[in-house]
Amino acid sequence: MEDLEQYKQQAQPEQQEIQQLQQTNEFQGQLEKQEQELSEQQEQSEQQEQLEQQQQQEKQYLNQQQDLQKQKQEQQEQKQQLDQEEQSNLFQNIKDGTAIGGAAAGAGAVIVKGGLALYGLSSIGPVAGSLAAATQASIGSVAAGSAFAVAQGVAMTGITTLALPAIGVGAIIGGGLALFKKLLW
């Protein structure tokens, strides 16, 4: 019995050592488990953070796309407005060119008629004692289609006969010039 007692006393520190080792192992196991859980939490946190960043980037991308669409729509509206203004300006330029061309042609017809009158050509023929009468006398028989015959024909027709076609031609030329200018500039 003494031996048993002595064995128990010697075994008691070993049992305490074993218990301490078991407790240490359990503690290490708990630490490892906690470290693993912490690692998993950090990983989940990083994944969550990455997901949030990705969602934020997607939001920014969508906002940029919407902004680009708005800008594109505004540009299209501005272009339409400019096209309408240009079209309106084009028609105004044609009208202005037509009016100016017609006025110039009409004025030209009046000036030509006045110049012919100064030269001595009238609606009934050359005026006696005028430069036109002297020219006709020096020519003798006036050939049809000659410059003198054309000038006398213009003088003998009424101003409206000359002016109205001239105004029409002037209007067409003026309007065409305005259109041509718009297309090239």
Protein backbone atom coordinates (compact mmCIF):
# COMPACT_ATOMS: atom_id res chain seq x y z
CA MET A 1 0.00 0.00 0.00
CA GLU A 2 2.73 2.30 0.68
CA ASP A 3 4.00 1.65 -2.75
CA LEU A 4 0.61 2.50 -4.10
CA GLU A 5 0.57 5.72 -2.14
CA GLN A 6 4.03 6.54 -3.25
CA TYR A 7 3.10 5.73 -6.86
CA LYS A 8 0.03 7.96 -6.57
CA GLN A 9 2.15 10.81 -5.24
CA GLN A 10 4.65 10.41 -8.04
CA ALA A 11 1.86 10.08 -10.61
CA GLN A 12 -0.02 13.13 -9.33
CA PRO A 13 2.42 15.71 -10.81
CA GLU A 14 2.37 13.76 -14.06
CA GLN A 15 -1.43 13.82 -14.05
CA GLN A 16 -1.34 17.53 -13.40
CA GLU A 17 1.09 17.92 -16.27
CA ILE A 18 -1.19 15.86 -18.51
CA GLN A 19 -4.18 17.97 -17.48
CA GLN A 20 -2.21 21.13 -18.17
CA LEU A 21 -1.20 19.77 -21.60
CA GLN A 22 -4.82 18.88 -22.32
CA GLN A 23 -5.94 22.34 -21.25
CA THR A 24 -3.19 23.89 -23.37
CA ASN A 25 -4.25 21.76 -26.34
CA GLU A 26 -7.89 22.75 -25.83
CA PHE A 27 -6.86 26.39 -25.52
CA GLN A 28 -4.76 26.13 -28.70
CA GLY A 29 -7.70 24.48 -30.45
CA GLN A 30 -9.97 27.30 -29.35
CA LEU A 31 -7.40 29.85 -30.49
CA GLU A 32 -7.06 28.15 -33.86
CA LYS A 33 -10.84 28.01 -34.19
CA GLN A 34 -11.10 31.71 -33.28
CA GLU A 35 -8.31 32.57 -35.72
CA GLN A 36 -10.09 30.60 -38.43
CA GLU A 37 -13.40 32.33 -37.68
CA LEU A 38 -11.64 35.69 -37.66
CA SER A 39 -9.96 34.85 -40.96
CA GLU A 40 -13.33 33.84 -42.44
CA GLN A 41 -14.90 37.05 -41.16
CA GLN A 42 -12.09 39.10 -42.69
CA GLU A 43 -12.48 37.24 -45.97
CA GLN A 44 -16.25 37.83 -45.92
CA SER A 45 -15.64 41.48 -45.06
CA GLU A 46 -13.20 41.82 -47.98
CA GLN A 47 -15.66 40.11 -50.31
CA GLN A 48 -18.43 42.41 -49.08
CA GLU A 49 -16.17 45.42 -49.61
CA GLN A 50 -15.27 44.25 -53.13
CA LEU A 51 -18.95 43.70 -53.88
CA GLU A 52 -19.80 47.19 -52.65
CA GLN A 53 -16.98 48.68 -54.73
CA GLN A 54 -18.19 46.80 -57.77
CA GLN A 55 -21.76 48.02 -57.20
CA GLN A 56 -20.50 51.57 -56.79
CA GLN A 57 -18.51 51.31 -60.03
CA GLU A 58 -21.58 49.96 -61.80
CA LYS A 59 -23.62 52.90 -60.47
CA GLN A 60 -20.97 55.34 -61.68
CA TYR A 61 -20.91 53.66 -65.09
CA LEU A 62 -24.71 53.84 -65.36
CA ASN A 63 -24.67 57.49 -64.31
CA GLN A 64 -22.01 58.23 -66.92
CA GLN A 65 -24.07 56.45 -69.58
CA GLN A 66 -27.15 58.47 -68.61
CA ASP A 67 -25.13 61.69 -68.70
CA LEU A 68 -23.79 60.77 -72.15
CA GLN A 69 -27.31 60.04 -73.39
CA LYS A 70 -28.52 63.39 -72.05
CA GLN A 71 -25.61 65.18 -73.73
CA LYS A 72 -26.28 63.37 -76.99
CA GLN A 73 -29.97 64.26 -76.82
CA GLU A 74 -29.14 67.91 -76.07
CA GLN A 75 -26.72 67.98 -79.00
CA GLN A 76 -29.37 66.52 -81.30
CA GLU A 77 -31.88 69.12 -80.12
CA GLN A 78 -29.35 71.90 -80.67
CA LYS A 79 -28.55 70.54 -84.13
CA GLN A 80 -32.25 70.43 -85.02
CA GLN A 81 -32.67 73.98 -83.79
CA LEU A 82 -29.65 75.14 -85.81
CA ASP A 83 -30.94 73.29 -88.88
CA GLN A 84 -34.31 75.01 -88.52
CA GLU A 85 -32.62 78.39 -88.12
CA GLU A 86 -30.39 77.72 -91.14
CA GLN A 87 -33.38 76.68 -93.21
CA SER A 88 -35.24 79.81 -92.16
CA ASN A 89 -32.16 81.92 -92.90
CA LEU A 90 -31.77 80.22 -96.27
CA PHE A 91 -35.30 81.14 -97.31
CA GLN A 92 -34.78 84.68 -96.03
CA ASN A 93 -31.53 84.93 -98.03
CA ILE A 94 -33.32 83.70 -101.14
CA LYS A 95 -36.10 86.26 -100.64
CA ASP A 96 -33.55 89.00 -100.03
CA GLY A 97 -31.54 87.95 -103.09
CA THR A 98 -34.70 87.82 -105.18
CA ALA A 99 -35.74 91.30 -104.09
CA ILE A 100 -32.29 92.78 -104.63
CA GLY A 101 -31.86 91.05 -108.00
CA GLY A 102 -35.30 92.17 -109.15
CA ALA A 103 -34.70 95.74 -108.02
CA ALA A 104 -31.32 95.83 -109.73
CA ALA A 105 -32.77 94.45 -112.95
CA GLY A 106 -35.68 96.89 -112.85
CA ALA A 107 -33.32 99.77 -112.16
CA GLY A 108 -31.12 98.55 -114.98
CA ALA A 109 -34.07 98.57 -117.36
CA VAL A 110 -34.96 102.14 -116.38
CA ILE A 111 -31.34 103.23 -116.78
CA VAL A 112 -31.09 101.58 -120.20
CA LYS A 113 -34.34 103.19 -121.32
CA GLY A 114 -33.12 106.57 -120.01
CA GLY A 115 -29.76 106.13 -121.76
CA LEU A 116 -31.47 105.32 -125.02
CA ALA A 117 -33.64 108.43 -124.65
CA LEU A 118 -30.53 110.56 -124.11
CA TYR A 119 -29.01 109.04 -127.22
CA GLY A 120 -32.10 110.12 -129.10
CA LEU A 121 -34.11 106.94 -129.48
CA SER A 122 -37.81 107.20 -128.55
CA SER A 123 -40.92 105.06 -128.72
CA ILE A 124 -41.69 106.42 -132.22
CA GLY A 125 -38.15 106.19 -133.63
CA PRO A 126 -35.01 108.36 -133.69
CA VAL A 127 -35.58 111.94 -132.52
CA ALA A 128 -34.80 114.51 -135.25
CA GLY A 129 -31.45 116.25 -134.76
CA SER A 130 -30.25 113.73 -132.16
CA LEU A 131 -27.16 111.57 -132.12
CA ALA A 132 -29.39 108.57 -132.96
CA ALA A 133 -30.71 110.37 -136.09
CA ALA A 134 -27.15 111.17 -137.19
CA THR A 135 -26.06 107.55 -136.62
CA GLN A 136 -29.01 106.22 -138.65
CA ALA A 137 -28.27 108.67 -141.45
CA SER A 138 -24.63 107.56 -141.58
CA ILE A 139 -25.61 103.86 -141.62
CA GLY A 140 -28.23 104.19 -144.26
CA SER A 141 -30.24 101.01 -144.38
CA VAL A 142 -30.23 99.51 -140.85
CA ALA A 143 -29.75 95.73 -140.89
CA ALA A 144 -32.14 93.65 -138.78
CA GLY A 145 -30.50 92.32 -135.61
CA SER A 146 -27.75 94.96 -135.60
CA ALA A 147 -26.92 96.83 -132.38
CA PHE A 148 -28.72 99.95 -133.63
CA ALA A 149 -31.81 97.90 -134.55
CA VAL A 150 -31.88 96.20 -131.14
CA ALA A 151 -31.44 99.54 -129.32
CA GLN A 152 -34.23 101.12 -131.39
CA GLY A 153 -36.47 98.10 -130.72
CA VAL A 154 -35.90 98.42 -126.98
CA ALA A 155 -36.60 102.16 -127.10
CA MET A 156 -39.78 101.67 -129.10
CA THR A 157 -41.27 99.07 -126.73
CA GLY A 158 -42.77 100.24 -123.45
CA ILE A 159 -40.67 100.24 -120.27
CA THR A 160 -42.88 97.51 -118.80
CA THR A 161 -42.16 95.26 -121.74
CA LEU A 162 -38.47 95.43 -120.89
CA ALA A 163 -38.66 95.87 -117.13
CA LEU A 164 -40.96 92.98 -116.18
CA PRO A 165 -38.87 90.21 -117.79
CA ALA A 166 -35.71 91.90 -116.51
CA ILE A 167 -37.11 91.99 -112.99
CA GLY A 168 -38.05 88.28 -113.25
CA VAL A 169 -34.60 87.34 -114.53
CA GLY A 170 -32.99 89.49 -111.85
CA ALA A 171 -35.10 87.84 -109.16
CA ILE A 172 -34.12 84.37 -110.35
CA ILE A 173 -30.43 85.32 -110.50
CA GLY A 174 -30.56 86.98 -107.07
CA GLY A 175 -32.34 84.02 -105.46
CA GLY A 176 -29.99 81.57 -107.14
CA LEU A 177 -26.96 83.51 -105.90
CA ALA A 178 -28.31 83.47 -102.34
CA LEU A 179 -28.87 79.72 -102.54
CA PHE A 180 -25.47 79.12 -104.14
CA LYS A 181 -23.77 81.26 -101.47
CA LYS A 182 -25.53 79.31 -98.70
CA LEU A 183 -24.55 75.95 -100.10
CA LEU A 184 -20.88 76.88 -100.52
CA TRP A 185 -20.35 78.83 -97.31
